[in-house]
């Protein structure tokens, strides 16, 4: 019998392995099985000095205090073959440069490839300003601190890796999500800051049934939950996801993690994990909420005292997540796969006519800051003229067992998230937006045609109209790769 060299080598290795087991007295049945390890850590990213520039407004504002702490919540998973890190930060939006610096530091210390790290912002509108939008001034002395703290959080989570079990389930909460883009009744004027008069929908319309016709899009009520436990049953972390922009109701002079931070506190209490050691970490990531908020425009609702609506929403969503958590089936080991890519997208830059109009408006108004919408957007038009013709965006897909997660660096419309969930080869799948950078709103081409705030060209909305189909297609391709 003639053996091929490759077959002969395999046979020799098999014999050597068998002899090794015999010599050491270990049977094949006793050989170590695959082990999943997990570690989680929430690191404080609240500024140490005040006042600071606060994000989330079209005009510059400062905060003199923090009502509640801001955190970067970090989870590291290691199945013996692949390590990944998930991070969500209490910030409105974070530029790619900050994430890249943090990932590089963390990678050097942990060995986790930077391409295996997904870092995102929650989109609280009352965090330190880290990205230039409208007239908000970036808090420059916070940037290095933020990058360093994100890195330290990943490193600490990695240092706490321990054998663990993992599972996931999907909750449901339709009560706290409402599409904020509305068709108005015929004859109702919709004013835009460019004087075009072509908008067909309005973002955040009056709470008045007499003028409201119907929402311009759907909602996504799902509350996916990824849960990790130690082998003795102690909760390590829960990573939840919900497509809600933010809640608000925070005084302008205060920082707050909004309902994202309150969810983390309340969920820990619901599962009796407040005193866990190492500390249990709950995180709420933002799904696809570019056109979603917490206001029921048609039915109306009572206005709450500051922070009260945050508490109410967090309690309701935390309970929905708890119900899903109770249904979770935990596994000892799961496949982990992650893919990352970059694509180049066009930028909607102003033409000469638009630039001339903007310059004329600003020359007549004099120096800013500006409060009138036409002047704010005229100022944005001049800024957008300095942008490059194209930008590169980073996209990722993760497989955790049969669970799929994708990232988007944009304020992504709910239609995109629903389409990805529907067509993903992994069930369930969810999207984490505002991840690995910030590239503004991402309306679908159909929503671009309707106009409205989210489509107005600015530092907060500048990608080409065909950006959404390209991002959606790429994310589904990445999911297909990790699902193999």
Protein backbone atom coordinates (compact mmCIF):
# COMPACT_ATOMS: atom_id res chain seq x y z
CA UNK A 1 0.00 0.00 0.00
CA UNK A 2 1.42 3.40 -0.98
CA UNK A 3 0.72 6.29 1.44
CA UNK A 4 0.75 9.91 0.31
CA UNK A 5 3.23 12.09 2.23
CA UNK A 6 0.33 14.15 3.70
CA UNK A 7 -1.57 11.05 4.85
CA UNK A 8 1.58 9.57 6.31
CA UNK A 9 2.24 12.73 8.31
CA UNK A 10 -1.32 12.76 9.66
CA UNK A 11 -1.00 9.09 10.66
CA UNK A 12 2.30 9.70 12.40
CA UNK A 13 0.88 12.64 14.35
CA UNK A 14 -2.13 10.55 15.36
CA UNK A 15 0.12 7.76 16.65
CA UNK A 16 2.32 10.20 18.56
CA UNK A 17 -0.76 11.84 20.08
CA UNK A 18 -2.18 8.48 21.13
CA UNK A 19 1.12 7.41 22.68
CA UNK A 20 1.29 10.71 24.54
CA UNK A 21 -2.13 10.08 26.08
CA UNK A 22 -1.06 6.57 27.10
CA UNK A 23 2.22 7.73 28.61
CA UNK A 24 0.56 10.46 30.69
CA UNK A 25 -2.30 8.20 31.72
CA UNK A 26 -4.96 10.54 30.21
CA UNK A 27 -7.71 9.13 28.04
CA UNK A 28 -9.15 10.96 25.04
CA UNK A 29 -12.39 11.37 26.98
CA UNK A 30 -10.49 13.21 29.72
CA UNK A 31 -8.81 15.66 27.32
CA UNK A 32 -9.66 19.33 28.05
CA UNK A 33 -12.89 20.55 26.41
CA UNK A 34 -13.32 23.98 24.90
CA UNK A 35 -13.77 26.77 27.42
CA UNK A 36 -15.46 30.14 27.01
CA UNK A 37 -14.13 32.98 29.14
CA UNK A 38 -15.62 36.42 29.75
CA UNK A 39 -14.74 39.58 31.65
CA UNK A 40 -16.57 42.88 32.04
CA UNK A 41 -15.74 46.27 33.49
CA UNK A 42 -17.44 49.68 33.60
CA UNK A 43 -14.91 52.50 33.78
CA UNK A 44 -15.87 56.04 34.78
CA UNK A 45 -15.44 58.59 31.96
CA UNK A 46 -16.98 61.55 33.81
CA UNK A 47 -14.75 64.62 33.44
CA UNK A 48 -12.74 65.49 36.53
CA UNK A 49 -13.02 69.26 36.09
CA UNK A 50 -15.90 71.61 35.22
CA UNK A 51 -17.28 73.49 33.35
CA UNK A 52 -17.16 71.43 30.17
CA UNK A 53 -18.64 71.72 26.70
CA UNK A 54 -21.84 69.66 26.50
CA UNK A 55 -22.96 67.89 23.32
CA UNK A 56 -26.42 67.49 21.82
CA UNK A 57 -27.38 71.07 20.99
CA UNK A 58 -27.21 73.28 17.91
CA UNK A 59 -25.63 76.00 20.03
CA UNK A 60 -22.65 75.83 22.35
CA UNK A 61 -23.53 75.10 25.96
CA UNK A 62 -21.59 74.20 29.07
CA UNK A 63 -22.25 71.85 31.97
CA UNK A 64 -21.19 72.71 35.49
CA UNK A 65 -21.88 69.34 37.08
CA UNK A 66 -22.67 65.68 36.44
CA UNK A 67 -26.07 64.52 37.67
CA UNK A 68 -24.96 60.89 37.29
CA UNK A 69 -21.66 59.32 36.21
CA UNK A 70 -20.69 58.59 32.61
CA UNK A 71 -19.14 55.20 31.85
CA UNK A 72 -17.46 53.19 29.14
CA UNK A 73 -18.87 49.70 29.62
CA UNK A 74 -16.59 46.95 28.36
CA UNK A 75 -17.08 43.23 27.71
CA UNK A 76 -14.37 40.83 26.51
CA UNK A 77 -15.19 37.34 25.22
CA UNK A 78 -12.62 34.60 24.54
CA UNK A 79 -13.57 31.14 23.26
CA UNK A 80 -9.97 29.92 23.03
CA UNK A 81 -9.85 30.63 19.31
CA UNK A 82 -11.02 34.24 19.03
CA UNK A 83 -11.11 37.21 21.38
CA UNK A 84 -13.48 40.15 20.91
CA UNK A 85 -14.23 43.31 22.87
CA UNK A 86 -17.52 45.20 22.99
CA UNK A 87 -17.55 48.74 24.40
CA UNK A 88 -20.36 51.26 24.73
CA UNK A 89 -19.66 54.78 25.98
CA UNK A 90 -21.93 57.37 27.56
CA UNK A 91 -21.27 59.95 24.85
CA UNK A 92 -23.30 61.64 22.13
CA UNK A 93 -20.91 60.65 19.37
CA UNK A 94 -17.19 59.88 19.25
CA UNK A 95 -14.89 60.44 16.24
CA UNK A 96 -13.03 57.50 14.76
CA UNK A 97 -9.65 58.92 15.78
CA UNK A 98 -10.50 58.58 19.47
CA UNK A 99 -11.68 55.00 19.09
CA UNK A 100 -8.63 54.09 17.00
CA UNK A 101 -6.26 55.48 19.64
CA UNK A 102 -8.07 53.58 22.40
CA UNK A 103 -8.11 50.33 20.44
CA UNK A 104 -4.40 50.53 19.68
CA UNK A 105 -3.55 51.02 23.36
CA UNK A 106 -5.83 48.17 24.42
CA UNK A 107 -4.55 45.85 21.71
CA UNK A 108 -0.94 46.31 22.80
CA UNK A 109 -1.85 45.33 26.35
CA UNK A 110 -4.27 42.46 25.65
CA UNK A 111 -3.35 41.03 22.26
CA UNK A 112 -6.92 41.50 21.03
CA UNK A 113 -6.73 42.67 17.40
CA UNK A 114 -8.12 46.18 16.89
CA UNK A 115 -10.34 44.69 14.19
CA UNK A 116 -11.97 42.57 16.91
CA UNK A 117 -13.09 45.59 18.95
CA UNK A 118 -16.49 47.22 18.50
CA UNK A 119 -16.71 50.56 20.32
CA UNK A 120 -19.85 52.69 20.26
CA UNK A 121 -21.54 55.74 21.79
CA UNK A 122 -24.97 55.61 23.40
CA UNK A 123 -26.04 59.02 22.04
CA UNK A 124 -26.91 60.66 25.32
CA UNK A 125 -27.35 64.35 24.47
CA UNK A 126 -25.87 65.41 27.80
CA UNK A 127 -22.30 64.11 27.66
CA UNK A 128 -19.03 65.91 27.04
CA UNK A 129 -18.69 67.20 23.48
CA UNK A 130 -16.17 64.94 21.72
CA UNK A 131 -17.17 65.50 18.06
CA UNK A 132 -17.71 68.76 16.16
CA UNK A 133 -21.40 69.20 15.36
CA UNK A 134 -23.21 72.46 14.66
CA UNK A 135 -21.86 75.12 17.05
CA UNK A 136 -20.81 72.78 19.87
CA UNK A 137 -17.17 73.24 20.77
CA UNK A 138 -15.15 70.08 21.27
CA UNK A 139 -13.75 69.75 24.79
CA UNK A 140 -10.18 69.28 23.62
CA UNK A 141 -8.68 68.41 27.01
CA UNK A 142 -11.21 65.55 27.35
CA UNK A 143 -10.21 63.73 24.15
CA UNK A 144 -6.99 62.10 25.38
CA UNK A 145 -8.63 61.28 28.71
CA UNK A 146 -11.54 59.55 26.95
CA UNK A 147 -9.29 57.45 24.69
CA UNK A 148 -7.14 56.43 27.66
CA UNK A 149 -10.14 55.46 29.78
CA UNK A 150 -11.71 53.36 27.00
CA UNK A 151 -8.41 51.50 26.64
CA UNK A 152 -8.13 51.00 30.40
CA UNK A 153 -11.68 49.65 30.50
CA UNK A 154 -10.93 47.03 27.84
CA UNK A 155 -7.68 46.07 29.57
CA UNK A 156 -9.42 45.69 32.93
CA UNK A 157 -12.24 43.60 31.43
CA UNK A 158 -9.61 41.40 29.79
CA UNK A 159 -7.77 40.97 33.10
CA UNK A 160 -10.99 39.65 34.66
CA UNK A 161 -11.54 36.88 32.11
CA UNK A 162 -12.97 33.77 33.77
CA UNK A 163 -14.77 30.61 32.61
CA UNK A 164 -18.30 31.58 31.68
CA UNK A 165 -21.55 30.58 30.03
CA UNK A 166 -23.37 32.71 27.47
CA UNK A 167 -26.83 33.08 25.98
CA UNK A 168 -29.20 35.49 24.27
CA UNK A 169 -32.89 36.20 23.89
CA UNK A 170 -35.10 38.92 22.46
CA UNK A 171 -37.56 40.98 24.49
CA UNK A 172 -40.24 43.31 23.21
CA UNK A 173 -41.26 46.85 24.18
CA UNK A 174 -43.38 48.87 21.72
CA UNK A 175 -44.35 51.44 24.39
CA UNK A 176 -41.23 53.61 24.39
CA UNK A 177 -40.47 53.99 20.67
CA UNK A 178 -42.22 56.36 18.26
CA UNK A 179 -41.24 57.42 14.76
CA UNK A 180 -40.48 61.14 14.96
CA UNK A 181 -40.90 61.95 11.25
CA UNK A 182 -44.50 62.77 10.33
CA UNK A 183 -46.62 63.54 7.33
CA UNK A 184 -48.77 66.57 8.13
CA UNK A 185 -52.28 67.29 6.94
CA UNK A 186 -52.65 69.13 3.61
CA UNK A 187 -52.26 72.87 4.00
CA UNK A 188 -49.86 72.62 6.96
CA UNK A 189 -46.70 74.57 6.20
CA UNK A 190 -43.33 72.87 6.64
CA UNK A 191 -40.45 75.33 6.77
CA UNK A 192 -36.86 74.30 6.00
CA UNK A 193 -33.67 76.32 6.66
CA UNK A 194 -32.72 76.46 2.98
CA UNK A 195 -35.89 78.16 1.75
CA UNK A 196 -36.68 75.33 -0.65
CA UNK A 197 -40.17 74.49 0.60
CA UNK A 198 -39.92 70.90 -0.68
CA UNK A 199 -40.09 68.90 2.58
CA UNK A 200 -42.88 66.34 2.71
CA UNK A 201 -42.38 65.37 6.38
CA UNK A 202 -41.44 67.10 9.59
CA UNK A 203 -39.26 65.86 12.41
CA UNK A 204 -40.69 66.39 15.92
CA UNK A 205 -43.98 68.04 14.84
CA UNK A 206 -46.41 69.72 17.25
CA UNK A 207 -48.34 67.36 19.54
CA UNK A 208 -51.56 68.26 17.79
CA UNK A 209 -53.86 65.70 16.19
CA UNK A 210 -55.34 68.42 13.99
CA UNK A 211 -52.14 68.74 11.95
CA UNK A 212 -50.75 65.17 12.14
CA UNK A 213 -51.52 62.68 9.41
CA UNK A 214 -49.29 59.63 9.94
CA UNK A 215 -45.70 58.66 10.80
CA UNK A 216 -43.30 58.50 7.86
CA UNK A 217 -41.78 55.20 8.99
CA UNK A 218 -41.99 52.20 11.34
CA UNK A 219 -40.48 51.43 14.76
CA UNK A 220 -38.50 48.47 16.05
CA UNK A 221 -39.81 47.31 19.44
CA UNK A 222 -37.28 44.51 19.98
CA UNK A 223 -35.00 44.43 23.03
CA UNK A 224 -32.25 41.89 22.24
CA UNK A 225 -30.23 40.74 25.26
CA UNK A 226 -26.79 39.07 25.32
CA UNK A 227 -26.06 37.64 28.77
CA UNK A 228 -22.93 36.16 30.36
CA UNK A 229 -22.69 34.26 33.64
CA UNK A 230 -19.83 32.75 35.63
CA UNK A 231 -19.88 28.98 36.05
CA UNK A 232 -21.32 29.39 39.57
CA UNK A 233 -24.26 31.38 38.16
CA UNK A 234 -23.00 34.85 39.14
CA UNK A 235 -24.00 37.40 36.48
CA UNK A 236 -21.01 38.92 34.67
CA UNK A 237 -22.64 41.14 32.05
CA UNK A 238 -25.76 41.86 30.03
CA UNK A 239 -25.54 43.69 26.70
CA UNK A 240 -28.96 44.98 25.60
CA UNK A 241 -30.01 46.86 22.47
CA UNK A 242 -32.99 49.14 21.78
CA UNK A 243 -33.74 51.48 18.89
CA UNK A 244 -34.46 54.65 20.87
CA UNK A 245 -32.53 57.86 20.10
CA UNK A 246 -32.41 59.06 23.72
CA UNK A 247 -34.94 60.38 26.27
CA UNK A 248 -33.76 63.78 27.51
CA UNK A 249 -35.37 65.96 30.14
CA UNK A 250 -31.98 66.92 31.59
CA UNK A 251 -31.24 70.52 32.66
CA UNK A 252 -28.84 72.21 30.26
CA UNK A 253 -26.14 72.74 32.88
CA UNK A 254 -25.86 69.05 33.79
CA UNK A 255 -24.24 65.96 32.33
CA UNK A 256 -26.16 62.69 32.39
CA UNK A 257 -25.93 59.23 30.84
CA UNK A 258 -29.67 59.56 30.07
CA UNK A 259 -31.77 56.38 30.15
CA UNK A 260 -28.79 54.28 29.05
CA UNK A 261 -27.08 54.73 32.42
CA UNK A 262 -30.33 54.43 34.36
CA UNK A 263 -31.11 51.17 32.53
CA UNK A 264 -27.77 49.77 33.69
CA UNK A 265 -28.51 50.64 37.32
CA UNK A 266 -32.08 49.39 37.30
CA UNK A 267 -31.36 46.13 35.48
CA UNK A 268 -28.67 45.21 38.00
CA UNK A 269 -31.27 45.61 40.73
CA UNK A 270 -33.86 43.54 38.90
CA UNK A 271 -31.58 40.48 38.85
CA UNK A 272 -30.04 41.08 42.32
CA UNK A 273 -26.61 41.74 40.87
CA UNK A 274 -25.79 45.10 42.49
CA UNK A 275 -23.36 43.52 44.96
CA UNK A 276 -21.73 41.03 42.58
CA UNK A 277 -17.94 40.78 42.72
CA UNK A 278 -16.35 41.44 40.30
CA UNK A 279 -18.96 44.09 39.60
CA UNK A 280 -21.76 43.12 37.24
CA UNK A 281 -21.96 45.27 34.09
CA UNK A 282 -25.22 46.01 32.30
CA UNK A 283 -25.11 48.03 29.09
CA UNK A 284 -27.75 49.44 26.77
CA UNK A 285 -26.49 49.97 23.22
CA UNK A 286 -28.29 52.12 20.68
CA UNK A 287 -29.92 50.21 17.82
CA UNK A 288 -31.15 51.94 14.66
CA UNK A 289 -32.86 55.04 16.02
CA UNK A 290 -32.06 57.83 13.58
CA UNK A 291 -35.78 58.50 13.08
CA UNK A 292 -37.07 57.28 16.46
CA UNK A 293 -37.68 58.99 19.79
CA UNK A 294 -39.71 58.65 22.97
CA UNK A 295 -42.48 61.17 22.20
CA UNK A 296 -46.01 60.05 21.37
CA UNK A 297 -46.91 63.00 19.17
CA UNK A 298 -50.39 61.82 18.29
CA UNK A 299 -51.70 60.88 21.73
CA UNK A 300 -49.62 63.35 23.69
CA UNK A 301 -48.31 62.80 27.21
CA UNK A 302 -47.72 64.69 30.43
CA UNK A 303 -44.46 66.60 30.68
CA UNK A 304 -42.30 65.22 33.46
CA UNK A 305 -39.96 66.80 35.95
CA UNK A 306 -36.24 66.65 35.03
CA UNK A 307 -34.90 63.06 34.95
CA UNK A 308 -38.33 61.54 35.64
CA UNK A 309 -38.99 60.41 32.06
CA UNK A 310 -35.51 58.89 31.98
CA UNK A 311 -36.36 56.86 35.08
CA UNK A 312 -39.73 55.74 33.72
CA UNK A 313 -38.37 54.65 30.33
CA UNK A 314 -35.37 52.89 31.86
CA UNK A 315 -37.60 50.99 34.28
CA UNK A 316 -39.94 49.84 31.53
CA UNK A 317 -37.20 48.75 29.13
CA UNK A 318 -35.20 47.12 31.93
CA UNK A 319 -38.24 45.00 32.80
CA UNK A 320 -38.58 43.97 29.13
CA UNK A 321 -34.90 43.00 29.15
CA UNK A 322 -35.38 41.07 32.41
CA UNK A 323 -38.18 39.01 30.86
CA UNK A 324 -35.85 38.13 27.96
CA UNK A 325 -33.02 37.38 30.40
CA UNK A 326 -35.22 34.93 32.29
CA UNK A 327 -35.84 33.04 29.02
CA UNK A 328 -32.17 32.90 28.08
CA UNK A 329 -30.65 29.46 27.49
CA UNK A 330 -26.98 29.51 28.44
CA UNK A 331 -24.28 27.57 26.59
CA UNK A 332 -20.82 26.49 27.74
CA UNK A 333 -19.06 27.35 24.50
CA UNK A 334 -19.98 29.06 21.24
CA UNK A 335 -18.16 30.01 18.02
CA UNK A 336 -16.90 33.60 17.89
CA UNK A 337 -16.18 35.26 14.56
CA UNK A 338 -15.68 38.88 13.60
CA UNK A 339 -15.15 40.61 10.27
CA UNK A 340 -14.25 44.24 9.60
CA UNK A 341 -14.03 46.23 6.39
CA UNK A 342 -13.89 49.78 5.08
CA UNK A 343 -15.95 51.25 2.28
CA UNK A 344 -15.66 54.64 0.61
CA UNK A 345 -18.77 56.80 0.40
CA UNK A 346 -19.57 60.07 -1.31
CA UNK A 347 -20.12 63.37 0.49
CA UNK A 348 -22.94 65.84 -0.27
CA UNK A 349 -20.97 69.06 -0.67
CA UNK A 350 -22.63 72.40 -1.45
CA UNK A 351 -22.57 73.84 -4.96
CA UNK A 352 -21.61 77.43 -5.85
CA UNK A 353 -25.18 78.72 -5.64
CA UNK A 354 -25.67 77.24 -2.19
CA UNK A 355 -22.36 78.66 -1.00
CA UNK A 356 -23.23 82.12 -2.31
CA UNK A 357 -26.57 82.08 -0.45
CA UNK A 358 -24.90 80.98 2.77
CA UNK A 359 -22.24 83.69 2.57
CA UNK A 360 -24.86 86.35 1.88
CA UNK A 361 -26.93 85.32 4.91
CA UNK A 362 -23.95 85.25 7.26
CA UNK A 363 -22.51 88.55 6.03
CA UNK A 364 -25.85 90.23 6.71
CA UNK A 365 -26.14 88.63 10.16
CA UNK A 366 -22.61 89.30 11.37
CA UNK A 367 -20.50 87.00 13.53
CA UNK A 368 -22.10 84.15 15.48
CA UNK A 369 -23.04 82.25 17.50
CA UNK A 370 -26.35 81.90 15.68
CA UNK A 371 -29.80 80.88 16.88
CA UNK A 372 -31.90 81.18 13.74
CA UNK A 373 -32.06 77.92 11.77
CA UNK A 374 -31.25 79.48 8.39
CA UNK A 375 -28.07 81.01 9.83
CA UNK A 376 -27.05 77.82 11.64
CA UNK A 377 -27.32 75.86 8.40
CA UNK A 378 -25.64 78.61 6.40
CA UNK A 379 -22.69 78.24 8.75
CA UNK A 380 -22.82 74.46 8.27
CA UNK A 381 -22.83 74.97 4.49
CA UNK A 382 -19.50 76.81 4.68
CA UNK A 383 -18.06 74.05 6.87
CA UNK A 384 -19.27 71.36 4.46
CA UNK A 385 -17.48 73.05 1.56
CA UNK A 386 -14.22 72.08 3.29
CA UNK A 387 -15.10 68.37 3.45
CA UNK A 388 -13.44 65.87 1.08
CA UNK A 389 -15.40 64.42 -1.84
CA UNK A 390 -15.42 60.97 -0.20
CA UNK A 391 -14.93 59.47 3.25
CA UNK A 392 -14.06 55.97 4.45
CA UNK A 393 -16.32 54.29 6.99
CA UNK A 394 -15.59 51.22 9.10
CA UNK A 395 -18.16 48.41 9.25
CA UNK A 396 -18.15 45.23 11.34
CA UNK A 397 -20.11 42.01 11.81
CA UNK A 398 -19.86 39.62 14.75
CA UNK A 399 -21.09 36.09 15.22
CA UNK A 400 -21.63 34.96 18.81
CA UNK A 401 -23.04 31.47 18.45
CA UNK A 402 -26.19 31.94 16.38
CA UNK A 403 -26.44 35.63 17.35
CA UNK A 404 -25.41 38.29 14.84
CA UNK A 405 -24.29 41.86 15.63
CA UNK A 406 -23.37 44.53 13.08
CA UNK A 407 -22.04 48.04 13.55
CA UNK A 408 -22.85 51.32 11.84
CA UNK A 409 -20.97 54.61 12.39
CA UNK A 410 -24.13 56.59 11.69
CA UNK A 411 -27.42 57.68 13.20
CA UNK A 412 -29.05 54.86 11.29
CA UNK A 413 -32.72 54.83 10.32
CA UNK A 414 -34.91 52.08 11.75
CA UNK A 415 -35.78 50.82 8.25
CA UNK A 416 -32.14 49.77 7.81
CA UNK A 417 -32.05 47.87 11.07
CA UNK A 418 -35.30 46.06 10.32
CA UNK A 419 -34.05 45.06 6.85
CA UNK A 420 -30.80 43.69 8.28
CA UNK A 421 -32.71 41.69 10.89
CA UNK A 422 -34.96 40.26 8.19
CA UNK A 423 -32.23 39.23 5.75
CA UNK A 424 -29.43 38.23 8.14
CA UNK A 425 -28.41 34.55 8.02
CA UNK A 426 -28.03 34.70 11.82
CA UNK A 427 -31.12 34.84 14.00
CA UNK A 428 -31.44 37.01 15.94
CA UNK A 429 -29.33 39.90 14.65
CA UNK A 430 -29.15 43.49 15.84
CA UNK A 431 -27.28 46.65 14.87
CA UNK A 432 -25.21 48.85 17.17
CA UNK A 433 -25.10 52.35 15.72
CA UNK A 434 -22.68 55.22 16.32
CA UNK A 435 -19.91 52.62 16.38
CA UNK A 436 -16.21 53.03 15.55
CA UNK A 437 -16.67 56.66 14.48
CA UNK A 438 -19.27 59.23 13.53
CA UNK A 439 -20.55 59.84 10.01
CA UNK A 440 -23.88 61.57 10.61
CA UNK A 441 -27.43 60.52 9.83
CA UNK A 442 -28.09 57.65 7.43
CA UNK A 443 -31.55 58.07 5.86
CA UNK A 444 -32.63 55.60 3.21
CA UNK A 445 -32.92 57.03 -0.33
CA UNK A 446 -36.71 56.94 0.11
CA UNK A 447 -36.47 59.00 3.30
CA UNK A 448 -34.03 61.42 1.65
CA UNK A 449 -36.74 62.13 -0.92
CA UNK A 450 -39.11 63.20 1.87
CA UNK A 451 -36.72 65.79 3.30
CA UNK A 452 -36.78 66.80 6.94
CA UNK A 453 -34.13 67.54 9.56
CA UNK A 454 -32.25 64.26 9.28
CA UNK A 455 -31.57 64.93 5.58
CA UNK A 456 -30.39 68.55 5.95
CA UNK A 457 -26.75 68.76 4.87
CA UNK A 458 -24.54 69.51 7.86
CA UNK A 459 -21.74 67.96 9.87
CA UNK A 460 -24.53 65.79 11.30
CA UNK A 461 -25.81 64.62 7.87
CA UNK A 462 -23.45 64.63 4.93
CA UNK A 463 -23.13 61.19 3.36
CA UNK A 464 -24.32 60.75 -0.23
CA UNK A 465 -27.91 59.67 -0.82
CA UNK A 466 -26.76 56.20 -1.92
CA UNK A 467 -24.76 55.61 1.28
CA UNK A 468 -27.47 53.62 3.06
CA UNK A 469 -27.86 50.92 0.36
CA UNK A 470 -24.08 50.51 0.26
CA UNK A 471 -23.76 50.18 4.02
CA UNK A 472 -26.70 47.79 4.26
CA UNK A 473 -25.33 45.59 1.45
CA UNK A 474 -21.87 45.47 3.00
CA UNK A 475 -23.17 44.59 6.46
CA UNK A 476 -25.23 41.71 5.06
CA UNK A 477 -22.17 40.48 3.17
CA UNK A 478 -20.13 40.58 6.39
CA UNK A 479 -22.87 38.65 8.20
CA UNK A 480 -22.77 36.01 5.48
CA UNK A 481 -19.01 35.68 6.02
CA UNK A 482 -19.14 35.27 9.80
CA UNK A 483 -22.11 32.89 9.52
CA UNK A 484 -20.09 30.36 7.49
